[in-house]
Amino acid sequence: MRLLLDEMLGAEIAIQLRRGGWDVEAIQGNPTLEGKKDLDGLQAARDLGRVLVTENVRDFARHHREVLAAGEGHCGLLFTSRRRLPRSKGSIGLWVATLDRHLRAQTPGASLENACSWLR
């Protein structure tokens, strides 16, 4: 499973996951993706063949419904919350460990195509 971290998530998380062998990119620090609207980020994730990881559940759940209603698709949304995974420099290790555990638990070829799931 290939991931794209929403702009609210630090690029350092992606860097550390790549060191562990995972195919993870971040919007943060990517000049072609940074600063775009949420729907553009979801479309970029689709174009890149990546599941978008975000804590912006309200907006992306709406975009999920809109994209599907328009007959389009996406590669998946992986939701989390600040309560579960706070955003701070001190929590980077927690993010890396949680995403690493999630990726290891996936069966080969696992897909979230056109679906939403919660990061546990």
PDB file of N, CA and C in Angstrom:
ATOM      1  N   MET A   1       0.851  -1.172   0.000  1.00  0.00           N
ATOM      2  CA  MET A   1       0.000   0.000   0.000  1.00  0.00           C
ATOM      3  C   MET A   1       0.896   1.234   0.000  1.00  0.00           C
ATOM      4  N   ARG A   2       0.671   2.094  -0.960  1.00  0.00           N
ATOM      5  CA  ARG A   2       1.434   3.339  -1.096  1.00  0.00           C
ATOM      6  C   ARG A   2       0.629   4.478  -0.465  1.00  0.00           C
ATOM      7  N   LEU A   3       1.312   5.301   0.344  1.00  0.00           N
ATOM      8  CA  LEU A   3       0.620   6.355   1.078  1.00  0.00           C
ATOM      9  C   LEU A   3       1.066   7.743   0.651  1.00  0.00           C
ATOM     10  N   LEU A   4       0.135   8.695   0.785  1.00  0.00           N
ATOM     11  CA  LEU A   4       0.428  10.114   0.651  1.00  0.00           C
ATOM     12  C   LEU A   4      -0.091  10.775   1.919  1.00  0.00           C
ATOM     13  N   LEU A   5       0.794  11.442   2.652  1.00  0.00           N
ATOM     14  CA  LEU A   5       0.411  12.109   3.896  1.00  0.00           C
ATOM     15  C   LEU A   5      -0.141  13.485   3.586  1.00  0.00           C
ATOM     16  N   ASP A   6      -1.317  13.788   4.131  1.00  0.00           N
ATOM     17  CA  ASP A   6      -1.936  15.090   3.948  1.00  0.00           C
ATOM     18  C   ASP A   6      -0.991  16.178   4.441  1.00  0.00           C
ATOM     19  N   GLU A   7      -1.247  17.380   3.982  1.00  0.00           N
ATOM     20  CA  GLU A   7      -0.352  18.506   4.257  1.00  0.00           C
ATOM     21  C   GLU A   7      -0.175  18.799   5.739  1.00  0.00           C
ATOM     22  N   MET A   8      -1.151  18.459   6.557  1.00  0.00           N
ATOM     23  CA  MET A   8      -1.064  18.715   7.994  1.00  0.00           C
ATOM     24  C   MET A   8      -0.032  17.812   8.674  1.00  0.00           C
ATOM     25  N   LEU A   9       0.407  16.768   7.988  1.00  0.00           N
ATOM     26  CA  LEU A   9       1.337  15.800   8.568  1.00  0.00           C
ATOM     27  C   LEU A   9       2.751  16.083   8.072  1.00  0.00           C
ATOM     28  N   GLY A  10       3.680  16.086   8.974  1.00  0.00           N
ATOM     29  CA  GLY A  10       5.052  16.443   8.658  1.00  0.00           C
ATOM     30  C   GLY A  10       5.738  15.490   7.698  1.00  0.00           C
ATOM     31  N   ALA A  11       6.548  16.068   6.829  1.00  0.00           N
ATOM     32  CA  ALA A  11       7.301  15.286   5.853  1.00  0.00           C
ATOM     33  C   ALA A  11       8.279  14.324   6.522  1.00  0.00           C
ATOM     34  N   GLU A  12       8.708  14.638   7.733  1.00  0.00           N
ATOM     35  CA  GLU A  12       9.651  13.764   8.452  1.00  0.00           C
ATOM     36  C   GLU A  12       9.055  12.380   8.689  1.00  0.00           C
ATOM     37  N   ILE A  13       7.749  12.302   8.842  1.00  0.00           N
ATOM     38  CA  ILE A  13       7.093  10.999   9.017  1.00  0.00           C
ATOM     39  C   ILE A  13       7.324  10.148   7.774  1.00  0.00           C
ATOM     40  N   ALA A  14       7.123  10.746   6.607  1.00  0.00           N
ATOM     41  CA  ALA A  14       7.336  10.021   5.344  1.00  0.00           C
ATOM     42  C   ALA A  14       8.798   9.626   5.179  1.00  0.00           C
ATOM     43  N   ILE A  15       9.692  10.529   5.531  1.00  0.00           N
ATOM     44  CA  ILE A  15      11.129  10.248   5.405  1.00  0.00           C
ATOM     45  C   ILE A  15      11.506   9.028   6.243  1.00  0.00           C
ATOM     46  N   GLN A  16      11.034   8.993   7.483  1.00  0.00           N
ATOM     47  CA  GLN A  16      11.377   7.867   8.357  1.00  0.00           C
ATOM     48  C   GLN A  16      10.741   6.564   7.876  1.00  0.00           C
ATOM     49  N   LEU A  17       9.517   6.639   7.374  1.00  0.00           N
ATOM     50  CA  LEU A  17       8.876   5.425   6.855  1.00  0.00           C
ATOM     51  C   LEU A  17       9.602   4.918   5.615  1.00  0.00           C
ATOM     52  N   ARG A  18      10.065   5.816   4.767  1.00  0.00           N
ATOM     53  CA  ARG A  18      10.839   5.381   3.587  1.00  0.00           C
ATOM     54  C   ARG A  18      12.128   4.693   4.007  1.00  0.00           C
ATOM     55  N   ARG A  19      12.754   5.187   5.067  1.00  0.00           N
ATOM     56  CA  ARG A  19      13.964   4.525   5.590  1.00  0.00           C
ATOM     57  C   ARG A  19      13.660   3.091   5.998  1.00  0.00           C
ATOM     58  N   GLY A  20      12.418   2.855   6.408  1.00  0.00           N
ATOM     59  CA  GLY A  20      11.984   1.512   6.788  1.00  0.00           C
ATOM     60  C   GLY A  20      11.520   0.677   5.603  1.00  0.00           C
ATOM     61  N   GLY A  21      11.628   1.231   4.415  1.00  0.00           N
ATOM     62  CA  GLY A  21      11.295   0.464   3.215  1.00  0.00           C
ATOM     63  C   GLY A  21       9.892   0.687   2.676  1.00  0.00           C
ATOM     64  N   TRP A  22       9.120   1.607   3.278  1.00  0.00           N
ATOM     65  CA  TRP A  22       7.750   1.846   2.825  1.00  0.00           C
ATOM     66  C   TRP A  22       7.702   2.933   1.758  1.00  0.00           C
ATOM     67  N   ASP A  23       6.732   2.830   0.886  1.00  0.00           N
ATOM     68  CA  ASP A  23       6.539   3.797  -0.195  1.00  0.00           C
ATOM     69  C   ASP A  23       5.553   4.865   0.287  1.00  0.00           C
ATOM     70  N   VAL A  24       6.096   5.891   0.923  1.00  0.00           N
ATOM     71  CA  VAL A  24       5.281   6.948   1.528  1.00  0.00           C
ATOM     72  C   VAL A  24       5.819   8.299   1.083  1.00  0.00           C
ATOM     73  N   GLU A  25       4.918   9.166   0.644  1.00  0.00           N
ATOM     74  CA  GLU A  25       5.255  10.531   0.260  1.00  0.00           C
ATOM     75  C   GLU A  25       4.420  11.478   1.109  1.00  0.00           C
ATOM     76  N   ALA A  26       4.830  12.731   1.152  1.00  0.00           N
ATOM     77  CA  ALA A  26       4.115  13.749   1.918  1.00  0.00           C
ATOM     78  C   ALA A  26       3.784  14.930   1.020  1.00  0.00           C
ATOM     79  N   ILE A  27       2.622  15.516   1.253  1.00  0.00           N
ATOM     80  CA  ILE A  27       2.280  16.751   0.552  1.00  0.00           C
ATOM     81  C   ILE A  27       3.165  17.877   1.067  1.00  0.00           C
ATOM     82  N   GLN A  28       3.382  17.893   2.383  1.00  0.00           N
ATOM     83  CA  GLN A  28       4.215  18.932   2.984  1.00  0.00           C
ATOM     84  C   GLN A  28       5.619  18.883   2.383  1.00  0.00           C
ATOM     85  N   GLY A  29       6.062  20.008   1.879  1.00  0.00           N
ATOM     86  CA  GLY A  29       7.392  20.080   1.280  1.00  0.00           C
ATOM     87  C   GLY A  29       7.427  19.737  -0.192  1.00  0.00           C
ATOM     88  N   ASN A  30       6.295  19.332  -0.765  1.00  0.00           N
ATOM     89  CA  ASN A  30       6.228  19.015  -2.196  1.00  0.00           C
ATOM     90  C   ASN A  30       5.620  20.216  -2.911  1.00  0.00           C
ATOM     91  N   PRO A  31       6.428  20.996  -3.633  1.00  0.00           N
ATOM     92  CA  PRO A  31       5.925  22.237  -4.224  1.00  0.00           C
ATOM     93  C   PRO A  31       4.786  22.044  -5.230  1.00  0.00           C
ATOM     94  N   THR A  32       4.676  20.878  -5.833  1.00  0.00           N
ATOM     95  CA  THR A  32       3.583  20.664  -6.781  1.00  0.00           C
ATOM     96  C   THR A  32       2.266  20.324  -6.081  1.00  0.00           C
ATOM     97  N   LEU A  33       2.317  19.929  -4.810  1.00  0.00           N
ATOM     98  CA  LEU A  33       1.111  19.542  -4.080  1.00  0.00           C
ATOM     99  C   LEU A  33       0.765  20.478  -2.930  1.00  0.00           C
ATOM    100  N   GLU A  34       1.760  21.098  -2.351  1.00  0.00           N
ATOM    101  CA  GLU A  34       1.558  21.923  -1.164  1.00  0.00           C
ATOM    102  C   GLU A  34       0.662  23.127  -1.467  1.00  0.00           C
ATOM    103  N   GLY A  35      -0.249  23.421  -0.532  1.00  0.00           N
ATOM    104  CA  GLY A  35      -1.093  24.596  -0.654  1.00  0.00           C
ATOM    105  C   GLY A  35      -2.325  24.420  -1.528  1.00  0.00           C
ATOM    106  N   LYS A  36      -2.537  23.228  -2.032  1.00  0.00           N
ATOM    107  CA  LYS A  36      -3.702  22.971  -2.883  1.00  0.00           C
ATOM    108  C   LYS A  36      -4.937  22.703  -2.029  1.00  0.00           C
ATOM    109  N   LYS A  37      -6.094  22.815  -2.644  1.00  0.00           N
ATOM    110  CA  LYS A  37      -7.348  22.501  -1.963  1.00  0.00           C
ATOM    111  C   LYS A  37      -7.396  21.011  -1.666  1.00  0.00           C
ATOM    112  N   ASP A  38      -8.207  20.633  -0.673  1.00  0.00           N
ATOM    113  CA  ASP A  38      -8.300  19.238  -0.254  1.00  0.00           C
ATOM    114  C   ASP A  38      -8.695  18.315  -1.405  1.00  0.00           C
ATOM    115  N   LEU A  39      -9.670  18.718  -2.191  1.00  0.00           N
ATOM    116  CA  LEU A  39     -10.116  17.872  -3.299  1.00  0.00           C
ATOM    117  C   LEU A  39      -8.989  17.659  -4.303  1.00  0.00           C
ATOM    118  N   ASP A  40      -8.181  18.692  -4.522  1.00  0.00           N
ATOM    119  CA  ASP A  40      -7.021  18.548  -5.410  1.00  0.00           C
ATOM    120  C   ASP A  40      -6.020  17.558  -4.827  1.00  0.00           C
ATOM    121  N   GLY A  41      -5.873  17.550  -3.504  1.00  0.00           N
ATOM    122  CA  GLY A  41      -4.980  16.588  -2.853  1.00  0.00           C
ATOM    123  C   GLY A  41      -5.471  15.167  -3.022  1.00  0.00           C
ATOM    124  N   LEU A  42      -6.787  14.979  -2.922  1.00  0.00           N
ATOM    125  CA  LEU A  42      -7.360  13.642  -3.117  1.00  0.00           C
ATOM    126  C   LEU A  42      -7.171  13.189  -4.561  1.00  0.00           C
ATOM    127  N   GLN A  43      -7.353  14.098  -5.495  1.00  0.00           N
ATOM    128  CA  GLN A  43      -7.156  13.759  -6.907  1.00  0.00           C
ATOM    129  C   GLN A  43      -5.680  13.480  -7.205  1.00  0.00           C
ATOM    130  N   ALA A  44      -4.790  14.247  -6.583  1.00  0.00           N
ATOM    131  CA  ALA A  44      -3.356  14.003  -6.758  1.00  0.00           C
ATOM    132  C   ALA A  44      -2.977  12.628  -6.216  1.00  0.00           C
ATOM    133  N   ALA A  45      -3.538  12.267  -5.058  1.00  0.00           N
ATOM    134  CA  ALA A  45      -3.274  10.941  -4.488  1.00  0.00           C
ATOM    135  C   ALA A  45      -3.729   9.865  -5.470  1.00  0.00           C
ATOM    136  N   ARG A  46      -4.904  10.061  -6.068  1.00  0.00           N
ATOM    137  CA  ARG A  46      -5.409   9.092  -7.054  1.00  0.00           C
ATOM    138  C   ARG A  46      -4.448   9.003  -8.244  1.00  0.00           C
ATOM    139  N   ASP A  47      -4.035  10.151  -8.765  1.00  0.00           N
ATOM    140  CA  ASP A  47      -3.136  10.169  -9.915  1.00  0.00           C
ATOM    141  C   ASP A  47      -1.800   9.502  -9.608  1.00  0.00           C
ATOM    142  N   LEU A  48      -1.374   9.581  -8.344  1.00  0.00           N
ATOM    143  CA  LEU A  48      -0.112   8.975  -7.916  1.00  0.00           C
ATOM    144  C   LEU A  48      -0.285   7.525  -7.464  1.00  0.00           C
ATOM    145  N   GLY A  49      -1.530   7.059  -7.413  1.00  0.00           N
ATOM    146  CA  GLY A  49      -1.792   5.687  -6.968  1.00  0.00           C
ATOM    147  C   GLY A  49      -1.550   5.502  -5.483  1.00  0.00           C
ATOM    148  N   ARG A  50      -1.946   6.506  -4.675  1.00  0.00           N
ATOM    149  CA  ARG A  50      -1.655   6.475  -3.245  1.00  0.00           C
ATOM    150  C   ARG A  50      -2.910   6.655  -2.405  1.00  0.00           C
ATOM    151  N   VAL A  51      -2.927   6.016  -1.255  1.00  0.00           N
ATOM    152  CA  VAL A  51      -3.956   6.215  -0.241  1.00  0.00           C
ATOM    153  C   VAL A  51      -3.595   7.501   0.495  1.00  0.00           C
ATOM    154  N   LEU A  52      -4.565   8.381   0.684  1.00  0.00           N
ATOM    155  CA  LEU A  52      -4.329   9.642   1.388  1.00  0.00           C
ATOM    156  C   LEU A  52      -4.580   9.449   2.880  1.00  0.00           C
ATOM    157  N   VAL A  53      -3.595   9.797   3.705  1.00  0.00           N
ATOM    158  CA  VAL A  53      -3.703   9.714   5.158  1.00  0.00           C
ATOM    159  C   VAL A  53      -4.022  11.111   5.679  1.00  0.00           C
ATOM    160  N   THR A  54      -5.126  11.248   6.419  1.00  0.00           N
ATOM    161  CA  THR A  54      -5.539  12.565   6.900  1.00  0.00           C
ATOM    162  C   THR A  54      -6.310  12.467   8.205  1.00  0.00           C
ATOM    163  N   GLU A  55      -6.296  13.559   8.953  1.00  0.00           N
ATOM    164  CA  GLU A  55      -7.170  13.653  10.123  1.00  0.00           C
ATOM    165  C   GLU A  55      -8.340  14.590   9.828  1.00  0.00           C
ATOM    166  N   ASN A  56      -8.402  15.111   8.617  1.00  0.00           N
ATOM    167  CA  ASN A  56      -9.479  16.008   8.207  1.00  0.00           C
ATOM    168  C   ASN A  56     -10.666  15.171   7.729  1.00  0.00           C
ATOM    169  N   VAL A  57     -11.267  14.461   8.649  1.00  0.00           N
ATOM    170  CA  VAL A  57     -12.330  13.504   8.337  1.00  0.00           C
ATOM    171  C   VAL A  57     -13.550  14.203   7.752  1.00  0.00           C
ATOM    172  N   ARG A  58     -13.962  15.290   8.364  1.00  0.00           N
ATOM    173  CA  ARG A  58     -15.188  15.964   7.915  1.00  0.00           C
ATOM    174  C   ARG A  58     -15.119  16.339   6.438  1.00  0.00           C
ATOM    175  N   ASP A  59     -14.055  17.011   6.030  1.00  0.00           N
ATOM    176  CA  ASP A  59     -13.960  17.458   4.642  1.00  0.00           C
ATOM    177  C   ASP A  59     -13.724  16.301   3.680  1.00  0.00           C
ATOM    178  N   PHE A  60     -12.836  15.390   4.048  1.00  0.00           N
ATOM    179  CA  PHE A  60     -12.522  14.311   3.112  1.00  0.00           C
ATOM    180  C   PHE A  60     -13.635  13.274   3.018  1.00  0.00           C
ATOM    181  N   ALA A  61     -14.416  13.076   4.058  1.00  0.00           N
ATOM    182  CA  ALA A  61     -15.576  12.183   3.947  1.00  0.00           C
ATOM    183  C   ALA A  61     -16.565  12.773   2.942  1.00  0.00           C
ATOM    184  N   ARG A  62     -16.723  14.092   2.971  1.00  0.00           N
ATOM    185  CA  ARG A  62     -17.596  14.767   2.001  1.00  0.00           C
ATOM    186  C   ARG A  62     -17.024  14.623   0.596  1.00  0.00           C
ATOM    187  N   HIS A  63     -15.728  14.850   0.439  1.00  0.00           N
ATOM    188  CA  HIS A  63     -15.098  14.705  -0.881  1.00  0.00           C
ATOM    189  C   HIS A  63     -15.216  13.273  -1.391  1.00  0.00           C
ATOM    190  N   HIS A  64     -15.088  12.319  -0.499  1.00  0.00           N
ATOM    191  CA  HIS A  64     -15.245  10.903  -0.856  1.00  0.00           C
ATOM    192  C   HIS A  64     -16.617  10.698  -1.505  1.00  0.00           C
ATOM    193  N   ARG A  65     -17.658  11.172  -0.858  1.00  0.00           N
ATOM    194  CA  ARG A  65     -19.019  11.021  -1.391  1.00  0.00           C
ATOM    195  C   ARG A  65     -19.183  11.751  -2.724  1.00  0.00           C
ATOM    196  N   GLU A  66     -18.641  12.964  -2.820  1.00  0.00           N
ATOM    197  CA  GLU A  66     -18.766  13.753  -4.046  1.00  0.00           C
ATOM    198  C   GLU A  66     -18.060  13.090  -5.228  1.00  0.00           C
ATOM    199  N   VAL A  67     -16.866  12.593  -4.985  1.00  0.00           N
ATOM    200  CA  VAL A  67     -16.081  11.950  -6.051  1.00  0.00           C
ATOM    201  C   VAL A  67     -16.812  10.711  -6.560  1.00  0.00           C
ATOM    202  N   LEU A  68     -17.308   9.896  -5.650  1.00  0.00           N
ATOM    203  CA  LEU A  68     -18.015   8.685  -6.064  1.00  0.00           C
ATOM    204  C   LEU A  68     -19.318   9.029  -6.780  1.00  0.00           C
ATOM    205  N   ALA A  69     -20.040  10.051  -6.292  1.00  0.00           N
ATOM    206  CA  ALA A  69     -21.298  10.460  -6.932  1.00  0.00           C
ATOM    207  C   ALA A  69     -21.057  10.979  -8.342  1.00  0.00           C
ATOM    208  N   ALA A  70     -19.875  11.540  -8.584  1.00  0.00           N
ATOM    209  CA  ALA A  70     -19.527  12.052  -9.910  1.00  0.00           C
ATOM    210  C   ALA A  70     -19.039  10.945 -10.840  1.00  0.00           C
ATOM    211  N   GLY A  71     -19.021   9.705 -10.340  1.00  0.00           N
ATOM    212  CA  GLY A  71     -18.568   8.585 -11.157  1.00  0.00           C
ATOM    213  C   GLY A  71     -17.062   8.477 -11.261  1.00  0.00           C
ATOM    214  N   GLU A  72     -16.374   9.178 -10.378  1.00  0.00           N
ATOM    215  CA  GLU A  72     -14.914   9.113 -10.347  1.00  0.00           C
ATOM    216  C   GLU A  72     -14.508   8.220  -9.185  1.00  0.00           C
ATOM    217  N   GLY A  73     -13.233   8.123  -8.948  1.00  0.00           N
ATOM    218  CA  GLY A  73     -12.771   7.287  -7.857  1.00  0.00           C
ATOM    219  C   GLY A  73     -11.526   7.859  -7.210  1.00  0.00           C
ATOM    220  N   HIS A  74     -11.045   7.165  -6.210  1.00  0.00           N
ATOM    221  CA  HIS A  74      -9.798   7.520  -5.531  1.00  0.00           C
ATOM    222  C   HIS A  74      -9.160   6.233  -5.025  1.00  0.00           C
ATOM    223  N   CYS A  75      -7.945   6.350  -4.559  1.00  0.00           N
ATOM    224  CA  CYS A  75      -7.194   5.168  -4.116  1.00  0.00           C
ATOM    225  C   CYS A  75      -7.422   4.822  -2.651  1.00  0.00           C
ATOM    226  N   GLY A  76      -8.210   5.628  -1.973  1.00  0.00           N
ATOM    227  CA  GLY A  76      -8.534   5.339  -0.585  1.00  0.00           C
ATOM    228  C   GLY A  76      -8.176   6.472   0.343  1.00  0.00           C
ATOM    229  N   LEU A  77      -8.881   6.487   1.454  1.00  0.00           N
ATOM    230  CA  LEU A  77      -8.641   7.455   2.515  1.00  0.00           C
ATOM    231  C   LEU A  77      -8.399   6.695   3.812  1.00  0.00           C
ATOM    232  N   LEU A  78      -7.348   7.062   4.500  1.00  0.00           N
ATOM    233  CA  LEU A  78      -7.019   6.474   5.788  1.00  0.00           C
ATOM    234  C   LEU A  78      -7.120   7.589   6.819  1.00  0.00           C
ATOM    235  N   PHE A  79      -8.156   7.512   7.656  1.00  0.00           N
ATOM    236  CA  PHE A  79      -8.453   8.560   8.620  1.00  0.00           C
ATOM    237  C   PHE A  79      -7.799   8.292   9.964  1.00  0.00           C
ATOM    238  N   THR A  80      -7.489   9.382  10.669  1.00  0.00           N
ATOM    239  CA  THR A  80      -7.029   9.316  12.040  1.00  0.00           C
ATOM    240  C   THR A  80      -7.542  10.552  12.768  1.00  0.00           C
ATOM    241  N   SER A  81      -7.223  10.665  14.035  1.00  0.00           N
ATOM    242  CA  SER A  81      -7.666  11.833  14.800  1.00  0.00           C
ATOM    243  C   SER A  81      -6.522  12.353  15.656  1.00  0.00           C
ATOM    244  N   ARG A  82      -6.633  13.619  16.010  1.00  0.00           N
ATOM    245  CA  ARG A  82      -5.619  14.227  16.877  1.00  0.00           C
ATOM    246  C   ARG A  82      -5.591  13.568  18.250  1.00  0.00           C
ATOM    247  N   ARG A  83      -6.741  13.078  18.683  1.00  0.00           N
ATOM    248  CA  ARG A  83      -6.776  12.404  19.984  1.00  0.00           C
ATOM    249  C   ARG A  83      -5.925  11.148  19.941  1.00  0.00           C
ATOM    250  N   ARG A  84      -6.033  10.414  18.861  1.00  0.00           N
ATOM    251  CA  ARG A  84      -5.288   9.152  18.702  1.00  0.00           C
ATOM    252  C   ARG A  84      -3.823   9.407  18.391  1.00  0.00           C
ATOM    253  N   LEU A  85      -3.584  10.341  17.470  1.00  0.00           N
ATOM    254  CA  LEU A  85      -2.225  10.657  17.044  1.00  0.00           C
ATOM    255  C   LEU A  85      -2.046  12.175  17.018  1.00  0.00           C
ATOM    256  N   PRO A  86      -1.560  12.746  18.100  1.00  0.00           N
ATOM    257  CA  PRO A  86      -1.359  14.196  18.123  1.00  0.00           C
ATOM    258  C   PRO A  86      -0.281  14.611  17.122  1.00  0.00           C
ATOM    259  N   ARG A  87      -0.392  15.845  16.663  1.00  0.00           N
ATOM    260  CA  ARG A  87       0.599  16.369  15.725  1.00  0.00           C
ATOM    261  C   ARG A  87       1.570  17.275  16.465  1.00  0.00           C
ATOM    262  N   SER A  88       2.789  16.815  16.609  1.00  0.00           N
ATOM    263  CA  SER A  88       3.858  17.617  17.194  1.00  0.00           C
ATOM    264  C   SER A  88       5.178  16.943  16.838  1.00  0.00           C
ATOM    265  N   LYS A  89       6.244  17.667  16.984  1.00  0.00           N
ATOM    266  CA  LYS A  89       7.555  17.062  16.709  1.00  0.00           C
ATOM    267  C   LYS A  89       7.806  15.867  17.626  1.00  0.00           C
ATOM    268  N   GLY A  90       7.270  15.944  18.836  1.00  0.00           N
ATOM    269  CA  GLY A  90       7.452  14.862  19.788  1.00  0.00           C
ATOM    270  C   GLY A  90       6.659  13.609  19.463  1.00  0.00           C
ATOM    271  N   SER A  91       5.691  13.720  18.555  1.00  0.00           N
ATOM    272  CA  SER A  91       4.864  12.552  18.221  1.00  0.00           C
ATOM    273  C   SER A  91       5.238  11.907  16.891  1.00  0.00           C
ATOM    274  N   ILE A  92       6.291  12.373  16.258  1.00  0.00           N
ATOM    275  CA  ILE A  92       6.701  11.798  14.971  1.00  0.00           C
ATOM    276  C   ILE A  92       6.947  10.301  15.106  1.00  0.00           C
ATOM    277  N   GLY A  93       7.627   9.899  16.151  1.00  0.00           N
ATOM    278  CA  GLY A  93       7.898   8.478  16.365  1.00  0.00           C
ATOM    279  C   GLY A  93       6.618   7.664  16.509  1.00  0.00           C
ATOM    280  N   LEU A  94       5.626   8.224  17.184  1.00  0.00           N
ATOM    281  CA  LEU A  94       4.342   7.546  17.336  1.00  0.00           C
ATOM    282  C   LEU A  94       3.659   7.386  15.975  1.00  0.00           C
ATOM    283  N   TRP A  95       3.683   8.440  15.168  1.00  0.00           N
ATOM    284  CA  TRP A  95       3.119   8.358  13.813  1.00  0.00           C
ATOM    285  C   TRP A  95       3.824   7.274  12.992  1.00  0.00           C
ATOM    286  N   VAL A  96       5.149   7.299  13.027  1.00  0.00           N
ATOM    287  CA  VAL A  96       5.929   6.327  12.249  1.00  0.00           C
ATOM    288  C   VAL A  96       5.614   4.911  12.712  1.00  0.00           C
ATOM    289  N   ALA A  97       5.599   4.683  14.004  1.00  0.00           N
ATOM    290  CA  ALA A  97       5.318   3.337  14.530  1.00  0.00           C
ATOM    291  C   ALA A  97       3.901   2.888  14.177  1.00  0.00           C
ATOM    292  N   THR A  98       2.933   3.794  14.282  1.00  0.00           N
ATOM    293  CA  THR A  98       1.538   3.440  13.994  1.00  0.00           C
ATOM    294  C   THR A  98       1.349   3.126  12.515  1.00  0.00           C
ATOM    295  N   LEU A  99       1.907   3.957  11.646  1.00  0.00           N
ATOM    296  CA  LEU A  99       1.777   3.693  10.207  1.00  0.00           C
ATOM    297  C   LEU A  99       2.555   2.447   9.799  1.00  0.00           C
ATOM    298  N   ASP A 100       3.717   2.246  10.385  1.00  0.00           N
ATOM    299  CA  ASP A 100       4.495   1.041  10.108  1.00  0.00           C
ATOM    300  C   ASP A 100       3.706  -0.203  10.499  1.00  0.00           C
ATOM    301  N   ARG A 101       3.106  -0.185  11.667  1.00  0.00           N
ATOM    302  CA  ARG A 101       2.289  -1.314  12.134  1.00  0.00           C
ATOM    303  C   ARG A 101       1.103  -1.547  11.190  1.00  0.00           C
ATOM    304  N   HIS A 102       0.469  -0.467  10.763  1.00  0.00           N
ATOM    305  CA  HIS A 102      -0.661  -0.585   9.839  1.00  0.00           C
ATOM    306  C   HIS A 102      -0.210  -1.208   8.511  1.00  0.00           C
ATOM    307  N   LEU A 103       0.885  -0.722   7.981  1.00  0.00           N
ATOM    308  CA  LEU A 103       1.371  -1.237   6.695  1.00  0.00           C
ATOM    309  C   LEU A 103       1.786  -2.702   6.799  1.00  0.00           C
ATOM    310  N   ARG A 104       2.415  -3.082   7.894  1.00  0.00           N
ATOM    311  CA  ARG A 104       2.805  -4.481   8.084  1.00  0.00           C
ATOM    312  C   ARG A 104       1.596  -5.410   8.176  1.00  0.00           C
ATOM    313  N   ALA A 105       0.475  -4.890   8.666  1.00  0.00           N
ATOM    314  CA  ALA A 105      -0.729  -5.709   8.846  1.00  0.00           C
ATOM    315  C   ALA A 105      -1.500  -5.928   7.544  1.00  0.00           C
ATOM    316  N   GLN A 106      -1.138  -5.201   6.497  1.00  0.00           N
ATOM    317  CA  GLN A 106      -1.858  -5.319   5.228  1.00  0.00           C
ATOM    318  C   GLN A 106      -1.443  -6.585   4.479  1.00  0.00           C
ATOM    319  N   THR A 107      -2.413  -7.216   3.856  1.00  0.00           N
ATOM    320  CA  THR A 107      -2.093  -8.359   3.015  1.00  0.00           C
ATOM    321  C   THR A 107      -1.531  -7.834   1.697  1.00  0.00           C
ATOM    322  N   PRO A 108      -0.677  -8.611   1.043  1.00  0.00           N
ATOM    323  CA  PRO A 108      -0.134  -8.161  -0.237  1.00  0.00           C
ATOM    324  C   PRO A 108      -1.255  -7.805  -1.219  1.00  0.00           C
ATOM    325  N   GLY A 109      -1.113  -6.654  -1.854  1.00  0.00           N
ATOM    326  CA  GLY A 109      -2.113  -6.211  -2.814  1.00  0.00           C
ATOM    327  C   GLY A 109      -3.341  -5.590  -2.173  1.00  0.00           C
ATOM    328  N   ALA A 110      -3.296  -5.361  -0.851  1.00  0.00           N
ATOM    329  CA  ALA A 110      -4.446  -4.757  -0.169  1.00  0.00           C
ATOM    330  C   ALA A 110      -4.769  -3.408  -0.797  1.00  0.00           C
ATOM    331  N   SER A 111      -6.038  -3.103  -0.858  1.00  0.00           N
ATOM    332  CA  SER A 111      -6.480  -1.869  -1.500  1.00  0.00           C
ATOM    333  C   SER A 111      -7.587  -1.210  -0.691  1.00  0.00           C
ATOM    334  N   LEU A 112      -7.580   0.099  -0.714  1.00  0.00           N
ATOM    335  CA  LEU A 112      -8.670   0.880  -0.133  1.00  0.00           C
ATOM    336  C   LEU A 112      -9.404   1.631  -1.249  1.00  0.00           C
ATOM    337  N   GLU A 113      -9.273   1.132  -2.457  1.00  0.00           N
ATOM    338  CA  GLU A 113      -9.852   1.849  -3.598  1.00  0.00           C
ATOM    339  C   GLU A 113     -11.300   2.227  -3.330  1.00  0.00           C
ATOM    340  N   ASN A 114     -11.571   3.538  -3.457  1.00  0.00           N
ATOM    341  CA  ASN A 114     -12.908   4.104  -3.281  1.00  0.00           C
ATOM    342  C   ASN A 114     -13.497   3.845  -1.897  1.00  0.00           C
ATOM    343  N   ALA A 115     -12.645   3.648  -0.896  1.00  0.00           N
ATOM    344  CA  ALA A 115     -13.110   3.360   0.461  1.00  0.00           C
ATOM    345  C   ALA A 115     -12.408   4.262   1.472  1.00  0.00           C
ATOM    346  N   CYS A 116     -13.001   4.320   2.643  1.00  0.00           N
ATOM    347  CA  CYS A 116     -12.414   5.033   3.777  1.00  0.00           C
ATOM    348  C   CYS A 116     -12.186   4.032   4.891  1.00  0.00           C
ATOM    349  N   SER A 117     -11.106   4.207   5.622  1.00  0.00           N
ATOM    350  CA  SER A 117     -10.797   3.334   6.745  1.00  0.00           C
ATOM    351  C   SER A 117     -10.170   4.184   7.840  1.00  0.00           C
ATOM    352  N   TRP A 118     -10.180   3.650   9.053  1.00  0.00           N
ATOM    353  CA  TRP A 118      -9.561   4.337  10.181  1.00  0.00           C
ATOM    354  C   TRP A 118      -8.256   3.671  10.547  1.00  0.00           C
ATOM    355  N   LEU A 119      -7.245   4.490  10.779  1.00  0.00           N
ATOM    356  CA  LEU A 119      -5.946   4.018  11.247  1.00  0.00           C
ATOM    357  C   LEU A 119      -6.095   3.648  12.712  1.00  0.00           C
ATOM    358  N   ARG A 120      -5.788   2.419  13.059  1.00  0.00           N
ATOM    359  CA  ARG A 120      -5.934   1.945  14.443  1.00  0.00           C
ATOM    360  C   ARG A 120      -4.614   1.984  15.164  1.00  0.00           C
TER     361      ARG A 120
END
